[in-house]
């Protein structure tokens, strides 16, 4: 399952990042790395972006980036 498919109000753990190069580095710089717990707080009315709680702060990411993150 990817982060994009997680329902609102659920907590998941990141298990793998599928991006490459600069995209993967940008995702990792935001604190989204393997083993981190992520809470899906809300989704914008048109579906993009997704608001997450990661390591005690709020983060909004695009659906395209969320598709690159495998969770369990």
PDB file of N, CA and C in Angstrom:
ATOM      1  N   UNK A   1       0.854  -1.176   0.000  1.00  0.00           N
ATOM      2  CA  UNK A   1       0.000   0.000   0.000  1.00  0.00           C
ATOM      3  C   UNK A   1       0.899   1.237   0.000  1.00  0.00           C
ATOM      4  N   UNK A   2       0.470   2.274  -0.701  1.00  0.00           N
ATOM      5  CA  UNK A   2       1.227   3.520  -0.720  1.00  0.00           C
ATOM      6  C   UNK A   2       0.585   4.529   0.217  1.00  0.00           C
ATOM      7  N   UNK A   3       1.320   5.576   0.526  1.00  0.00           N
ATOM      8  CA  UNK A   3       0.821   6.615   1.425  1.00  0.00           C
ATOM      9  C   UNK A   3      -0.417   7.305   0.844  1.00  0.00           C
ATOM     10  N   UNK A   4      -0.520   7.363  -0.463  1.00  0.00           N
ATOM     11  CA  UNK A   4      -1.678   7.986  -1.112  1.00  0.00           C
ATOM     12  C   UNK A   4      -2.979   7.234  -0.805  1.00  0.00           C
ATOM     13  N   UNK A   5      -2.897   5.923  -0.580  1.00  0.00           N
ATOM     14  CA  UNK A   5      -4.081   5.089  -0.372  1.00  0.00           C
ATOM     15  C   UNK A   5      -4.539   5.009   1.072  1.00  0.00           C
ATOM     16  N   UNK A   6      -3.790   5.590   1.994  1.00  0.00           N
ATOM     17  CA  UNK A   6      -4.116   5.506   3.422  1.00  0.00           C
ATOM     18  C   UNK A   6      -5.327   6.389   3.724  1.00  0.00           C
ATOM     19  N   UNK A   7      -6.330   5.864   4.430  1.00  0.00           N
ATOM     20  CA  UNK A   7      -7.506   6.677   4.760  1.00  0.00           C
ATOM     21  C   UNK A   7      -7.192   7.751   5.803  1.00  0.00           C
ATOM     22  N   UNK A   8      -7.982   8.805   5.791  1.00  0.00           N
ATOM     23  CA  UNK A   8      -7.826   9.905   6.747  1.00  0.00           C
ATOM     24  C   UNK A   8      -8.023   9.370   8.165  1.00  0.00           C
ATOM     25  N   UNK A   9      -7.174   9.826   9.076  1.00  0.00           N
ATOM     26  CA  UNK A   9      -7.269   9.420  10.467  1.00  0.00           C
ATOM     27  C   UNK A   9      -6.492   8.165  10.807  1.00  0.00           C
ATOM     28  N   UNK A  10      -5.723   7.650   9.862  1.00  0.00           N
ATOM     29  CA  UNK A  10      -4.952   6.423  10.095  1.00  0.00           C
ATOM     30  C   UNK A  10      -3.473   6.729  10.300  1.00  0.00           C
ATOM     31  N   UNK A  11      -2.827   5.889  11.097  1.00  0.00           N
ATOM     32  CA  UNK A  11      -1.380   5.968  11.290  1.00  0.00           C
ATOM     33  C   UNK A  11      -0.738   4.775  10.596  1.00  0.00           C
ATOM     34  N   UNK A  12       0.366   5.036   9.913  1.00  0.00           N
ATOM     35  CA  UNK A  12       1.100   3.981   9.218  1.00  0.00           C
ATOM     36  C   UNK A  12       2.590   4.190   9.435  1.00  0.00           C
ATOM     37  N   UNK A  13       3.366   3.166   9.108  1.00  0.00           N
ATOM     38  CA  UNK A  13       4.814   3.241   9.208  1.00  0.00           C
ATOM     39  C   UNK A  13       5.410   3.120   7.810  1.00  0.00           C
ATOM     40  N   UNK A  14       6.362   3.984   7.504  1.00  0.00           N
ATOM     41  CA  UNK A  14       7.004   3.945   6.189  1.00  0.00           C
ATOM     42  C   UNK A  14       7.917   2.728   6.120  1.00  0.00           C
ATOM     43  N   UNK A  15       7.792   1.963   5.018  1.00  0.00           N
ATOM     44  CA  UNK A  15       8.671   0.806   4.873  1.00  0.00           C
ATOM     45  C   UNK A  15       9.628   0.929   3.700  1.00  0.00           C
ATOM     46  N   UNK A  16       9.322   1.787   2.688  1.00  0.00           N
ATOM     47  CA  UNK A  16      10.229   1.928   1.550  1.00  0.00           C
ATOM     48  C   UNK A  16       9.916   3.201   0.771  1.00  0.00           C
ATOM     49  N   UNK A  17      10.972   3.855   0.257  1.00  0.00           N
ATOM     50  CA  UNK A  17      10.829   5.004  -0.641  1.00  0.00           C
ATOM     51  C   UNK A  17      11.194   4.538  -2.047  1.00  0.00           C
ATOM     52  N   UNK A  18      10.311   4.777  -3.010  1.00  0.00           N
ATOM     53  CA  UNK A  18      10.527   4.291  -4.372  1.00  0.00           C
ATOM     54  C   UNK A  18      11.082   5.329  -5.331  1.00  0.00           C
ATOM     55  N   UNK A  19      11.186   6.577  -4.929  1.00  0.00           N
ATOM     56  CA  UNK A  19      11.698   7.616  -5.813  1.00  0.00           C
ATOM     57  C   UNK A  19      13.176   7.429  -6.093  1.00  0.00           C
ATOM     58  N   UNK A  20      13.685   8.217  -7.036  1.00  0.00           N
ATOM     59  CA  UNK A  20      15.108   8.171  -7.354  1.00  0.00           C
ATOM     60  C   UNK A  20      15.670   9.587  -7.399  1.00  0.00           C
ATOM     61  N   UNK A  21      16.958   9.693  -7.209  1.00  0.00           N
ATOM     62  CA  UNK A  21      17.658  10.959  -7.365  1.00  0.00           C
ATOM     63  C   UNK A  21      17.145  12.074  -6.475  1.00  0.00           C
ATOM     64  N   UNK A  22      16.919  13.233  -7.094  1.00  0.00           N
ATOM     65  CA  UNK A  22      16.521  14.432  -6.360  1.00  0.00           C
ATOM     66  C   UNK A  22      15.162  14.285  -5.693  1.00  0.00           C
ATOM     67  N   UNK A  23      14.250  13.551  -6.320  1.00  0.00           N
ATOM     68  CA  UNK A  23      12.925  13.352  -5.739  1.00  0.00           C
ATOM     69  C   UNK A  23      13.016  12.575  -4.433  1.00  0.00           C
ATOM     70  N   UNK A  24      13.775  11.504  -4.423  1.00  0.00           N
ATOM     71  CA  UNK A  24      13.943  10.708  -3.211  1.00  0.00           C
ATOM     72  C   UNK A  24      14.635  11.521  -2.121  1.00  0.00           C
ATOM     73  N   UNK A  25      15.650  12.287  -2.474  1.00  0.00           N
ATOM     74  CA  UNK A  25      16.378  13.117  -1.520  1.00  0.00           C
ATOM     75  C   UNK A  25      15.444  14.157  -0.897  1.00  0.00           C
ATOM     76  N   UNK A  26      14.581  14.776  -1.708  1.00  0.00           N
ATOM     77  CA  UNK A  26      13.643  15.790  -1.205  1.00  0.00           C
ATOM     78  C   UNK A  26      12.667  15.180  -0.210  1.00  0.00           C
ATOM     79  N   UNK A  27      12.169  13.979  -0.516  1.00  0.00           N
ATOM     80  CA  UNK A  27      11.248  13.292   0.394  1.00  0.00           C
ATOM     81  C   UNK A  27      11.946  12.967   1.712  1.00  0.00           C
ATOM     82  N   UNK A  28      13.177  12.489   1.636  1.00  0.00           N
ATOM     83  CA  UNK A  28      13.933  12.168   2.839  1.00  0.00           C
ATOM     84  C   UNK A  28      14.246  13.429   3.663  1.00  0.00           C
ATOM     85  N   UNK A  29      14.531  14.538   2.991  1.00  0.00           N
ATOM     86  CA  UNK A  29      14.817  15.799   3.688  1.00  0.00           C
ATOM     87  C   UNK A  29      13.609  16.310   4.469  1.00  0.00           C
ATOM     88  N   UNK A  30      12.412  15.917   4.054  1.00  0.00           N
ATOM     89  CA  UNK A  30      11.198  16.312   4.774  1.00  0.00           C
ATOM     90  C   UNK A  30      10.953  15.443   6.003  1.00  0.00           C
ATOM     91  N   UNK A  31      11.800  14.450   6.230  1.00  0.00           N
ATOM     92  CA  UNK A  31      11.667  13.595   7.399  1.00  0.00           C
ATOM     93  C   UNK A  31      10.943  12.293   7.136  1.00  0.00           C
ATOM     94  N   UNK A  32      10.612  12.039   5.881  1.00  0.00           N
ATOM     95  CA  UNK A  32       9.905  10.810   5.523  1.00  0.00           C
ATOM     96  C   UNK A  32      10.930   9.742   5.151  1.00  0.00           C
ATOM     97  N   UNK A  33      11.370   8.989   6.153  1.00  0.00           N
ATOM     98  CA  UNK A  33      12.360   7.932   5.950  1.00  0.00           C
ATOM     99  C   UNK A  33      11.820   6.619   6.504  1.00  0.00           C
ATOM    100  N   UNK A  34      12.472   5.529   6.149  1.00  0.00           N
ATOM    101  CA  UNK A  34      12.048   4.197   6.568  1.00  0.00           C
ATOM    102  C   UNK A  34      11.934   4.108   8.088  1.00  0.00           C
ATOM    103  N   UNK A  35      10.813   3.529   8.562  1.00  0.00           N
ATOM    104  CA  UNK A  35      10.605   3.314   9.985  1.00  0.00           C
ATOM    105  C   UNK A  35       9.871   4.425  10.712  1.00  0.00           C
ATOM    106  N   UNK A  36       9.625   5.550  10.061  1.00  0.00           N
ATOM    107  CA  UNK A  36       8.947   6.686  10.698  1.00  0.00           C
ATOM    108  C   UNK A  36       7.437   6.482  10.661  1.00  0.00           C
ATOM    109  N   UNK A  37       6.772   6.804  11.769  1.00  0.00           N
ATOM    110  CA  UNK A  37       5.311   6.713  11.827  1.00  0.00           C
ATOM    111  C   UNK A  37       4.709   8.007  11.283  1.00  0.00           C
ATOM    112  N   UNK A  38       3.683   7.855  10.459  1.00  0.00           N
ATOM    113  CA  UNK A  38       3.021   8.982   9.805  1.00  0.00           C
ATOM    114  C   UNK A  38       1.524   8.899  10.086  1.00  0.00           C
ATOM    115  N   UNK A  39       0.912  10.031  10.448  1.00  0.00           N
ATOM    116  CA  UNK A  39      -0.531  10.112  10.672  1.00  0.00           C
ATOM    117  C   UNK A  39      -1.134  10.956   9.561  1.00  0.00           C
ATOM    118  N   UNK A  40      -2.123  10.427   8.854  1.00  0.00           N
ATOM    119  CA  UNK A  40      -2.793  11.161   7.782  1.00  0.00           C
ATOM    120  C   UNK A  40      -3.880  12.011   8.418  1.00  0.00           C
ATOM    121  N   UNK A  41      -3.648  13.311   8.457  1.00  0.00           N
ATOM    122  CA  UNK A  41      -4.547  14.229   9.151  1.00  0.00           C
ATOM    123  C   UNK A  41      -5.748  14.618   8.294  1.00  0.00           C
ATOM    124  N   UNK A  42      -5.493  15.066   7.065  1.00  0.00           N
ATOM    125  CA  UNK A  42      -6.602  15.432   6.176  1.00  0.00           C
ATOM    126  C   UNK A  42      -6.121  15.513   4.740  1.00  0.00           C
ATOM    127  N   UNK A  43      -7.096  15.573   3.831  1.00  0.00           N
ATOM    128  CA  UNK A  43      -6.835  15.687   2.405  1.00  0.00           C
ATOM    129  C   UNK A  43      -7.594  16.907   1.903  1.00  0.00           C
ATOM    130  N   UNK A  44      -6.961  17.684   1.047  1.00  0.00           N
ATOM    131  CA  UNK A  44      -7.600  18.879   0.489  1.00  0.00           C
ATOM    132  C   UNK A  44      -8.880  18.495  -0.263  1.00  0.00           C
ATOM    133  N   UNK A  45      -9.829  19.421  -0.382  1.00  0.00           N
ATOM    134  CA  UNK A  45     -11.111  19.119  -1.034  1.00  0.00           C
ATOM    135  C   UNK A  45     -10.996  18.525  -2.441  1.00  0.00           C
ATOM    136  N   UNK A  46     -10.019  18.958  -3.209  1.00  0.00           N
ATOM    137  CA  UNK A  46      -9.854  18.403  -4.556  1.00  0.00           C
ATOM    138  C   UNK A  46      -8.873  17.233  -4.566  1.00  0.00           C
ATOM    139  N   UNK A  47      -8.444  16.780  -3.385  1.00  0.00           N
ATOM    140  CA  UNK A  47      -7.611  15.596  -3.282  1.00  0.00           C
ATOM    141  C   UNK A  47      -6.117  15.821  -3.247  1.00  0.00           C
ATOM    142  N   UNK A  48      -5.673  17.037  -3.484  1.00  0.00           N
ATOM    143  CA  UNK A  48      -4.236  17.304  -3.505  1.00  0.00           C
ATOM    144  C   UNK A  48      -3.982  18.662  -2.869  1.00  0.00           C
ATOM    145  N   UNK A  49      -3.183  18.815  -1.867  1.00  0.00           N
ATOM    146  CA  UNK A  49      -2.235  17.891  -1.252  1.00  0.00           C
ATOM    147  C   UNK A  49      -2.836  17.110  -0.084  1.00  0.00           C
ATOM    148  N   UNK A  50      -1.987  16.270   0.508  1.00  0.00           N
ATOM    149  CA  UNK A  50      -2.344  15.475   1.678  1.00  0.00           C
ATOM    150  C   UNK A  50      -1.599  16.051   2.873  1.00  0.00           C
ATOM    151  N   UNK A  51      -2.292  16.283   3.992  1.00  0.00           N
ATOM    152  CA  UNK A  51      -1.636  16.812   5.188  1.00  0.00           C
ATOM    153  C   UNK A  51      -1.324  15.672   6.150  1.00  0.00           C
ATOM    154  N   UNK A  52      -0.072  15.611   6.570  1.00  0.00           N
ATOM    155  CA  UNK A  52       0.420  14.546   7.440  1.00  0.00           C
ATOM    156  C   UNK A  52       0.986  15.131   8.730  1.00  0.00           C
ATOM    157  N   UNK A  53       1.027  14.305   9.764  1.00  0.00           N
ATOM    158  CA  UNK A  53       1.775  14.630  10.978  1.00  0.00           C
ATOM    159  C   UNK A  53       2.946  13.663  11.020  1.00  0.00           C
ATOM    160  N   UNK A  54       4.157  14.225  10.982  1.00  0.00           N
ATOM    161  CA  UNK A  54       5.388  13.435  10.951  1.00  0.00           C
ATOM    162  C   UNK A  54       6.347  13.990  11.991  1.00  0.00           C
ATOM    163  N   UNK A  55       6.780  13.156  12.919  1.00  0.00           N
ATOM    164  CA  UNK A  55       7.764  13.560  13.926  1.00  0.00           C
ATOM    165  C   UNK A  55       7.382  14.848  14.657  1.00  0.00           C
ATOM    166  N   UNK A  56       6.079  15.029  14.915  1.00  0.00           N
ATOM    167  CA  UNK A  56       5.614  16.168  15.690  1.00  0.00           C
ATOM    168  C   UNK A  56       5.375  17.443  14.908  1.00  0.00           C
ATOM    169  N   UNK A  57       5.456  17.418  13.592  1.00  0.00           N
ATOM    170  CA  UNK A  57       5.141  18.612  12.815  1.00  0.00           C
ATOM    171  C   UNK A  57       4.188  18.271  11.676  1.00  0.00           C
ATOM    172  N   UNK A  58       3.538  19.301  11.150  1.00  0.00           N
ATOM    173  CA  UNK A  58       2.575  19.126  10.059  1.00  0.00           C
ATOM    174  C   UNK A  58       3.301  19.259   8.727  1.00  0.00           C
ATOM    175  N   UNK A  59       2.978  18.379   7.795  1.00  0.00           N
ATOM    176  CA  UNK A  59       3.616  18.369   6.490  1.00  0.00           C
ATOM    177  C   UNK A  59       2.563  18.129   5.427  1.00  0.00           C
ATOM    178  N   UNK A  60       2.598  18.912   4.366  1.00  0.00           N
ATOM    179  CA  UNK A  60       1.701  18.700   3.228  1.00  0.00           C
ATOM    180  C   UNK A  60       2.524  18.233   2.045  1.00  0.00           C
ATOM    181  N   UNK A  61       2.092  17.138   1.425  1.00  0.00           N
ATOM    182  CA  UNK A  61       2.799  16.632   0.248  1.00  0.00           C
ATOM    183  C   UNK A  61       1.809  16.366  -0.877  1.00  0.00           C
ATOM    184  N   UNK A  62       2.317  16.377  -2.089  1.00  0.00           N
ATOM    185  CA  UNK A  62       1.484  16.102  -3.254  1.00  0.00           C
ATOM    186  C   UNK A  62       1.174  14.609  -3.347  1.00  0.00           C
ATOM    187  N   UNK A  63       0.060  14.297  -3.998  1.00  0.00           N
ATOM    188  CA  UNK A  63      -0.316  12.899  -4.187  1.00  0.00           C
ATOM    189  C   UNK A  63       0.745  12.147  -4.988  1.00  0.00           C
ATOM    190  N   UNK A  64       1.365  12.819  -5.943  1.00  0.00           N
ATOM    191  CA  UNK A  64       2.402  12.179  -6.757  1.00  0.00           C
ATOM    192  C   UNK A  64       3.573  11.727  -5.888  1.00  0.00           C
ATOM    193  N   UNK A  65       3.933  12.538  -4.900  1.00  0.00           N
ATOM    194  CA  UNK A  65       5.016  12.164  -3.979  1.00  0.00           C
ATOM    195  C   UNK A  65       4.552  11.071  -3.023  1.00  0.00           C
ATOM    196  N   UNK A  66       3.302  11.135  -2.579  1.00  0.00           N
ATOM    197  CA  UNK A  66       2.780  10.129  -1.662  1.00  0.00           C
ATOM    198  C   UNK A  66       2.735   8.751  -2.317  1.00  0.00           C
ATOM    199  N   UNK A  67       2.575   8.708  -3.629  1.00  0.00           N
ATOM    200  CA  UNK A  67       2.559   7.433  -4.364  1.00  0.00           C
ATOM    201  C   UNK A  67       3.913   6.731  -4.330  1.00  0.00           C
ATOM    202  N   UNK A  68       4.977   7.477  -4.100  1.00  0.00           N
ATOM    203  CA  UNK A  68       6.321   6.912  -4.090  1.00  0.00           C
ATOM    204  C   UNK A  68       6.704   6.299  -2.754  1.00  0.00           C
ATOM    205  N   UNK A  69       5.827   6.395  -1.762  1.00  0.00           N
ATOM    206  CA  UNK A  69       6.138   5.948  -0.404  1.00  0.00           C
ATOM    207  C   UNK A  69       5.292   4.720  -0.059  1.00  0.00           C
ATOM    208  N   UNK A  70       5.960   3.581   0.141  1.00  0.00           N
ATOM    209  CA  UNK A  70       5.277   2.354   0.554  1.00  0.00           C
ATOM    210  C   UNK A  70       5.151   2.344   2.063  1.00  0.00           C
ATOM    211  N   UNK A  71       3.962   1.977   2.573  1.00  0.00           N
ATOM    212  CA  UNK A  71       3.709   1.970   4.016  1.00  0.00           C
ATOM    213  C   UNK A  71       3.102   0.639   4.429  1.00  0.00           C
ATOM    214  N   UNK A  72       3.099   0.389   5.742  1.00  0.00           N
ATOM    215  CA  UNK A  72       2.466  -0.812   6.278  1.00  0.00           C
ATOM    216  C   UNK A  72       1.655  -0.458   7.497  1.00  0.00           C
TER     217      UNK A  72
END
